[in-house]
Amino acid sequence: WSWLPGVAAGRNLFVFFRRAFSLRDVPPALPFRVFADTRYRLWVNGEIVGHGPARFVPAYPEMDTHDLSPWLRAGQNVVAVEAQHIGDASYEAMPSEPVFWAEGGAAGLVDLATPG
């Protein structure tokens, strides 16, 4: 799990995660799995690709999978995620800790996993 070091849990936190990389050719598929508590928006090269997650119980988080390939191009690419942590129990969320997690990419091309 990742979050900003030194940022304490609070209410209505927004954090951006970004990875820039270069591709010689666009792969036929580039899977990307993502989880954020409480919400996320996923961008590839400036276009919104997806958002989520579906409602879940914090003890059993569910990851969403997106194929990034349709939004990639040969050359420079940027994948960005805006993660939101509501930080309070509501009709949208149960109490939990602020976390973000991602993995994906293609062997030998790009690794989109969060560090740690």
N, C-alpha and C. Protein backbone atom coordinates (compact mmCIF):
# COMPACT_ATOMS: atom_id res chain seq x y z
N TRP A 1 0.83 -1.18 0.00
CA TRP A 1 0.00 0.00 0.00
C TRP A 1 0.87 1.24 0.00
N SER A 2 0.42 2.27 -0.65
CA SER A 2 1.16 3.53 -0.69
C SER A 2 0.26 4.68 -0.28
N TRP A 3 0.88 5.70 0.24
CA TRP A 3 0.24 6.98 0.49
C TRP A 3 1.37 7.96 0.64
N LEU A 4 1.10 9.19 0.91
CA LEU A 4 2.17 10.16 1.06
C LEU A 4 2.81 10.03 2.43
N PRO A 5 4.13 9.83 2.47
CA PRO A 5 4.80 9.72 3.77
C PRO A 5 4.61 11.01 4.58
N GLY A 6 4.33 10.85 5.85
CA GLY A 6 4.20 12.01 6.73
C GLY A 6 2.86 12.71 6.68
N VAL A 7 1.94 12.26 5.83
CA VAL A 7 0.61 12.86 5.77
C VAL A 7 -0.33 12.03 6.63
N ALA A 8 -0.81 12.64 7.68
CA ALA A 8 -1.68 11.93 8.61
C ALA A 8 -3.06 11.74 8.00
N ALA A 9 -3.77 10.73 8.47
CA ALA A 9 -5.15 10.51 8.02
C ALA A 9 -5.98 11.72 8.41
N GLY A 10 -6.85 12.10 7.54
CA GLY A 10 -7.72 13.24 7.79
C GLY A 10 -8.98 13.08 6.97
N ARG A 11 -9.75 14.12 6.88
CA ARG A 11 -10.99 14.06 6.13
C ARG A 11 -10.80 14.67 4.75
N ASN A 12 -11.38 14.00 3.76
CA ASN A 12 -11.43 14.47 2.39
C ASN A 12 -10.04 14.79 1.82
N LEU A 13 -9.15 13.82 1.86
CA LEU A 13 -7.80 13.97 1.33
C LEU A 13 -7.76 13.57 -0.15
N PHE A 14 -7.05 14.32 -0.96
CA PHE A 14 -6.82 13.99 -2.37
C PHE A 14 -5.33 13.91 -2.60
N VAL A 15 -4.88 12.83 -3.23
CA VAL A 15 -3.46 12.64 -3.53
C VAL A 15 -3.33 12.20 -4.98
N PHE A 16 -2.35 12.74 -5.69
CA PHE A 16 -2.11 12.37 -7.08
C PHE A 16 -0.86 11.51 -7.18
N PHE A 17 -0.97 10.43 -7.94
CA PHE A 17 0.15 9.55 -8.25
C PHE A 17 0.35 9.60 -9.75
N ARG A 18 1.60 9.64 -10.19
CA ARG A 18 1.87 9.84 -11.61
C ARG A 18 3.09 9.04 -12.02
N ARG A 19 3.03 8.44 -13.21
CA ARG A 19 4.18 7.72 -13.76
C ARG A 19 4.30 8.08 -15.23
N ALA A 20 5.46 8.59 -15.61
CA ALA A 20 5.75 8.90 -17.02
C ALA A 20 6.70 7.83 -17.55
N PHE A 21 6.49 7.43 -18.80
CA PHE A 21 7.34 6.40 -19.40
C PHE A 21 7.26 6.53 -20.91
N SER A 22 8.21 5.91 -21.57
CA SER A 22 8.27 5.96 -23.03
C SER A 22 8.10 4.55 -23.59
N LEU A 23 7.38 4.45 -24.70
CA LEU A 23 7.18 3.18 -25.39
C LEU A 23 7.65 3.29 -26.83
N ARG A 24 8.35 2.28 -27.29
CA ARG A 24 8.73 2.24 -28.70
C ARG A 24 7.50 1.93 -29.55
N ASP A 25 6.73 0.93 -29.11
CA ASP A 25 5.49 0.54 -29.78
C ASP A 25 4.41 0.35 -28.73
N VAL A 26 3.17 0.52 -29.14
CA VAL A 26 2.04 0.30 -28.23
C VAL A 26 1.75 -1.20 -28.17
N PRO A 27 1.75 -1.80 -26.97
CA PRO A 27 1.45 -3.23 -26.86
C PRO A 27 -0.03 -3.50 -27.14
N PRO A 28 -0.37 -4.71 -27.55
CA PRO A 28 -1.78 -5.03 -27.81
C PRO A 28 -2.66 -4.90 -26.57
N ALA A 29 -2.08 -5.13 -25.40
CA ALA A 29 -2.81 -4.97 -24.13
C ALA A 29 -1.82 -4.55 -23.06
N LEU A 30 -2.25 -3.68 -22.18
CA LEU A 30 -1.43 -3.27 -21.05
C LEU A 30 -2.34 -3.20 -19.82
N PRO A 31 -2.46 -4.33 -19.08
CA PRO A 31 -3.36 -4.35 -17.93
C PRO A 31 -2.83 -3.51 -16.77
N PHE A 32 -3.78 -2.89 -16.08
CA PHE A 32 -3.45 -2.04 -14.94
C PHE A 32 -4.50 -2.31 -13.86
N ARG A 33 -4.05 -2.78 -12.71
CA ARG A 33 -4.95 -3.02 -11.57
C ARG A 33 -4.74 -1.91 -10.56
N VAL A 34 -5.87 -1.39 -10.02
CA VAL A 34 -5.78 -0.23 -9.13
C VAL A 34 -6.80 -0.34 -8.01
N PHE A 35 -6.41 0.19 -6.84
CA PHE A 35 -7.28 0.27 -5.69
C PHE A 35 -6.97 1.57 -4.96
N ALA A 36 -8.00 2.26 -4.53
CA ALA A 36 -7.81 3.45 -3.70
C ALA A 36 -8.95 3.51 -2.70
N ASP A 37 -8.65 3.99 -1.53
CA ASP A 37 -9.68 4.19 -0.53
C ASP A 37 -9.85 5.69 -0.36
N THR A 38 -10.87 6.26 -0.74
CA THR A 38 -12.18 5.73 -0.95
C THR A 38 -12.54 5.72 -2.44
N ARG A 39 -11.95 6.58 -3.23
CA ARG A 39 -12.25 6.68 -4.66
C ARG A 39 -10.97 6.93 -5.43
N TYR A 40 -11.07 6.73 -6.76
CA TYR A 40 -9.96 7.12 -7.64
C TYR A 40 -10.49 7.52 -9.00
N ARG A 41 -9.69 8.31 -9.70
CA ARG A 41 -9.90 8.60 -11.13
C ARG A 41 -8.58 8.31 -11.83
N LEU A 42 -8.66 7.60 -12.93
CA LEU A 42 -7.48 7.16 -13.68
C LEU A 42 -7.40 7.91 -15.00
N TRP A 43 -6.25 8.52 -15.27
CA TRP A 43 -5.99 9.22 -16.53
C TRP A 43 -4.85 8.54 -17.26
N VAL A 44 -4.93 8.51 -18.58
CA VAL A 44 -3.81 8.12 -19.43
C VAL A 44 -3.68 9.20 -20.50
N ASN A 45 -2.53 9.82 -20.53
CA ASN A 45 -2.25 10.89 -21.50
C ASN A 45 -3.34 11.95 -21.52
N GLY A 46 -3.77 12.35 -20.33
CA GLY A 46 -4.72 13.45 -20.19
C GLY A 46 -6.18 13.08 -20.36
N GLU A 47 -6.51 11.83 -20.65
CA GLU A 47 -7.90 11.41 -20.81
C GLU A 47 -8.31 10.53 -19.64
N ILE A 48 -9.51 10.74 -19.13
CA ILE A 48 -10.03 9.89 -18.06
C ILE A 48 -10.38 8.53 -18.64
N VAL A 49 -9.76 7.50 -18.07
CA VAL A 49 -9.93 6.12 -18.54
C VAL A 49 -10.92 5.36 -17.66
N GLY A 50 -10.94 5.67 -16.38
CA GLY A 50 -11.83 4.96 -15.48
C GLY A 50 -11.87 5.61 -14.12
N HIS A 51 -12.77 5.09 -13.29
CA HIS A 51 -12.90 5.57 -11.93
C HIS A 51 -13.49 4.45 -11.09
N GLY A 52 -13.40 4.60 -9.81
CA GLY A 52 -13.93 3.56 -8.94
C GLY A 52 -13.47 3.81 -7.53
N PRO A 53 -13.41 2.84 -6.69
CA PRO A 53 -13.82 1.46 -6.93
C PRO A 53 -15.29 1.26 -6.60
N ALA A 54 -15.75 0.06 -6.85
CA ALA A 54 -17.08 -0.33 -6.41
C ALA A 54 -17.08 -0.36 -4.89
N ARG A 55 -18.24 -0.28 -4.29
CA ARG A 55 -18.31 -0.33 -2.83
C ARG A 55 -17.75 -1.65 -2.32
N PHE A 56 -17.09 -1.62 -1.18
CA PHE A 56 -16.45 -2.80 -0.63
C PHE A 56 -16.33 -2.65 0.87
N VAL A 57 -16.01 -3.73 1.53
CA VAL A 57 -15.71 -3.73 2.97
C VAL A 57 -14.20 -3.60 3.11
N PRO A 58 -13.68 -2.65 3.90
CA PRO A 58 -12.23 -2.44 3.99
C PRO A 58 -11.41 -3.69 4.28
N ALA A 59 -11.97 -4.65 5.00
CA ALA A 59 -11.23 -5.89 5.28
C ALA A 59 -11.05 -6.74 4.02
N TYR A 60 -11.86 -6.48 2.98
CA TYR A 60 -11.81 -7.26 1.74
C TYR A 60 -11.79 -6.33 0.53
N PRO A 61 -10.70 -5.59 0.34
CA PRO A 61 -10.66 -4.64 -0.78
C PRO A 61 -10.71 -5.36 -2.13
N GLU A 62 -11.32 -4.70 -3.08
CA GLU A 62 -11.40 -5.23 -4.44
C GLU A 62 -10.65 -4.30 -5.39
N MET A 63 -9.84 -4.89 -6.27
CA MET A 63 -9.09 -4.12 -7.23
C MET A 63 -9.85 -4.06 -8.56
N ASP A 64 -9.75 -2.93 -9.24
CA ASP A 64 -10.32 -2.79 -10.58
C ASP A 64 -9.22 -3.01 -11.60
N THR A 65 -9.57 -3.54 -12.75
CA THR A 65 -8.60 -3.76 -13.83
C THR A 65 -9.01 -2.96 -15.05
N HIS A 66 -8.05 -2.25 -15.63
CA HIS A 66 -8.27 -1.46 -16.84
C HIS A 66 -7.20 -1.84 -17.87
N ASP A 67 -7.57 -1.90 -19.14
CA ASP A 67 -6.60 -2.08 -20.21
C ASP A 67 -6.23 -0.68 -20.70
N LEU A 68 -4.98 -0.29 -20.53
CA LEU A 68 -4.54 1.06 -20.88
C LEU A 68 -4.18 1.22 -22.35
N SER A 69 -4.01 0.11 -23.06
CA SER A 69 -3.50 0.12 -24.42
C SER A 69 -4.22 1.09 -25.37
N PRO A 70 -5.55 1.19 -25.35
CA PRO A 70 -6.22 2.10 -26.30
C PRO A 70 -5.84 3.57 -26.13
N TRP A 71 -5.32 3.96 -24.98
CA TRP A 71 -4.97 5.36 -24.72
C TRP A 71 -3.47 5.62 -24.83
N LEU A 72 -2.68 4.59 -25.06
CA LEU A 72 -1.23 4.76 -25.17
C LEU A 72 -0.82 5.12 -26.58
N ARG A 73 0.40 5.65 -26.70
CA ARG A 73 0.96 5.99 -28.01
C ARG A 73 2.46 5.70 -28.00
N ALA A 74 3.01 5.53 -29.16
CA ALA A 74 4.47 5.38 -29.25
C ALA A 74 5.09 6.69 -28.79
N GLY A 75 6.15 6.58 -27.99
CA GLY A 75 6.78 7.77 -27.43
C GLY A 75 6.42 7.95 -25.97
N GLN A 76 6.36 9.20 -25.53
CA GLN A 76 6.12 9.52 -24.13
C GLN A 76 4.65 9.32 -23.74
N ASN A 77 4.43 8.71 -22.55
CA ASN A 77 3.10 8.47 -22.01
C ASN A 77 3.09 8.83 -20.53
N VAL A 78 1.90 9.18 -20.03
CA VAL A 78 1.74 9.48 -18.60
C VAL A 78 0.48 8.79 -18.10
N VAL A 79 0.63 8.05 -17.00
CA VAL A 79 -0.49 7.45 -16.29
C VAL A 79 -0.58 8.18 -14.96
N ALA A 80 -1.77 8.68 -14.64
CA ALA A 80 -1.96 9.41 -13.39
C ALA A 80 -3.23 8.92 -12.71
N VAL A 81 -3.18 8.91 -11.38
CA VAL A 81 -4.34 8.52 -10.58
C VAL A 81 -4.55 9.56 -9.50
N GLU A 82 -5.78 10.05 -9.40
CA GLU A 82 -6.19 10.91 -8.30
C GLU A 82 -6.90 10.02 -7.30
N ALA A 83 -6.34 9.87 -6.12
CA ALA A 83 -6.93 9.03 -5.08
C ALA A 83 -7.55 9.93 -4.02
N GLN A 84 -8.75 9.56 -3.58
CA GLN A 84 -9.44 10.32 -2.55
C GLN A 84 -9.69 9.42 -1.35
N HIS A 85 -9.47 9.97 -0.17
CA HIS A 85 -9.81 9.29 1.08
C HIS A 85 -10.81 10.18 1.81
N ILE A 86 -12.05 9.70 1.96
CA ILE A 86 -13.09 10.49 2.61
C ILE A 86 -12.76 10.69 4.09
N GLY A 87 -12.29 9.63 4.75
CA GLY A 87 -11.81 9.77 6.12
C GLY A 87 -12.88 9.79 7.19
N ASP A 88 -14.09 9.43 6.84
CA ASP A 88 -15.15 9.40 7.83
C ASP A 88 -16.21 8.42 7.36
N ALA A 89 -16.92 7.83 8.28
CA ALA A 89 -18.00 6.92 7.90
C ALA A 89 -19.15 7.71 7.31
N SER A 90 -19.68 7.21 6.20
CA SER A 90 -20.81 7.86 5.56
C SER A 90 -21.56 6.81 4.76
N TYR A 91 -22.56 7.24 4.00
CA TYR A 91 -23.26 6.30 3.15
C TYR A 91 -22.35 5.79 2.03
N GLU A 92 -21.23 6.48 1.78
CA GLU A 92 -20.31 6.08 0.73
C GLU A 92 -19.16 5.21 1.21
N ALA A 93 -18.83 5.29 2.49
CA ALA A 93 -17.62 4.61 2.94
C ALA A 93 -17.72 4.19 4.40
N MET A 94 -16.95 3.14 4.71
CA MET A 94 -16.78 2.71 6.10
C MET A 94 -15.46 3.28 6.59
N PRO A 95 -15.27 3.38 7.91
CA PRO A 95 -14.00 3.89 8.42
C PRO A 95 -12.83 3.04 7.92
N SER A 96 -11.78 3.66 7.46
CA SER A 96 -10.60 2.94 6.96
C SER A 96 -9.41 3.89 6.93
N GLU A 97 -8.27 3.37 6.52
CA GLU A 97 -7.05 4.14 6.41
C GLU A 97 -6.85 4.61 4.96
N PRO A 98 -6.19 5.75 4.73
CA PRO A 98 -5.94 6.19 3.36
C PRO A 98 -4.88 5.31 2.70
N VAL A 99 -5.24 4.67 1.61
CA VAL A 99 -4.30 3.80 0.90
C VAL A 99 -4.51 3.90 -0.60
N PHE A 100 -3.45 3.59 -1.33
CA PHE A 100 -3.49 3.48 -2.79
C PHE A 100 -2.59 2.31 -3.17
N TRP A 101 -3.01 1.56 -4.19
CA TRP A 101 -2.22 0.42 -4.65
C TRP A 101 -2.45 0.26 -6.14
N ALA A 102 -1.38 -0.03 -6.86
CA ALA A 102 -1.50 -0.28 -8.30
C ALA A 102 -0.44 -1.27 -8.72
N GLU A 103 -0.76 -2.02 -9.78
CA GLU A 103 0.22 -2.89 -10.41
C GLU A 103 -0.18 -3.03 -11.87
N GLY A 104 0.78 -3.36 -12.67
CA GLY A 104 0.47 -3.57 -14.08
C GLY A 104 1.67 -3.26 -14.93
N GLY A 105 1.45 -3.36 -16.22
CA GLY A 105 2.51 -3.10 -17.16
C GLY A 105 2.71 -4.29 -18.06
N ALA A 106 3.83 -4.29 -18.72
CA ALA A 106 4.17 -5.38 -19.62
C ALA A 106 5.67 -5.67 -19.45
N ALA A 107 5.99 -6.93 -19.32
CA ALA A 107 7.38 -7.35 -19.10
C ALA A 107 8.29 -6.75 -20.16
N GLY A 108 9.34 -6.12 -19.70
CA GLY A 108 10.33 -5.53 -20.60
C GLY A 108 9.93 -4.19 -21.18
N LEU A 109 8.68 -3.75 -20.96
CA LEU A 109 8.24 -2.46 -21.50
C LEU A 109 8.11 -1.41 -20.41
N VAL A 110 7.27 -1.68 -19.43
CA VAL A 110 7.03 -0.72 -18.38
C VAL A 110 6.46 -1.43 -17.15
N ASP A 111 6.86 -0.96 -15.96
CA ASP A 111 6.34 -1.48 -14.70
C ASP A 111 5.54 -0.36 -14.05
N LEU A 112 4.25 -0.57 -13.83
CA LEU A 112 3.38 0.46 -13.26
C LEU A 112 3.00 0.18 -11.81
N ALA A 113 3.77 -0.65 -11.13
CA ALA A 113 3.48 -1.00 -9.73
C ALA A 113 3.87 0.14 -8.79
N THR A 114 3.07 0.30 -7.73
CA THR A 114 3.44 1.25 -6.70
C THR A 114 4.68 0.72 -5.97
N PRO A 115 5.50 1.60 -5.44
CA PRO A 115 6.71 1.13 -4.75
C PRO A 115 6.37 0.46 -3.43
N GLY A 116 7.29 -0.44 -3.01
CA GLY A 116 7.15 -1.05 -1.70
C GLY A 116 6.53 -2.41 -1.74
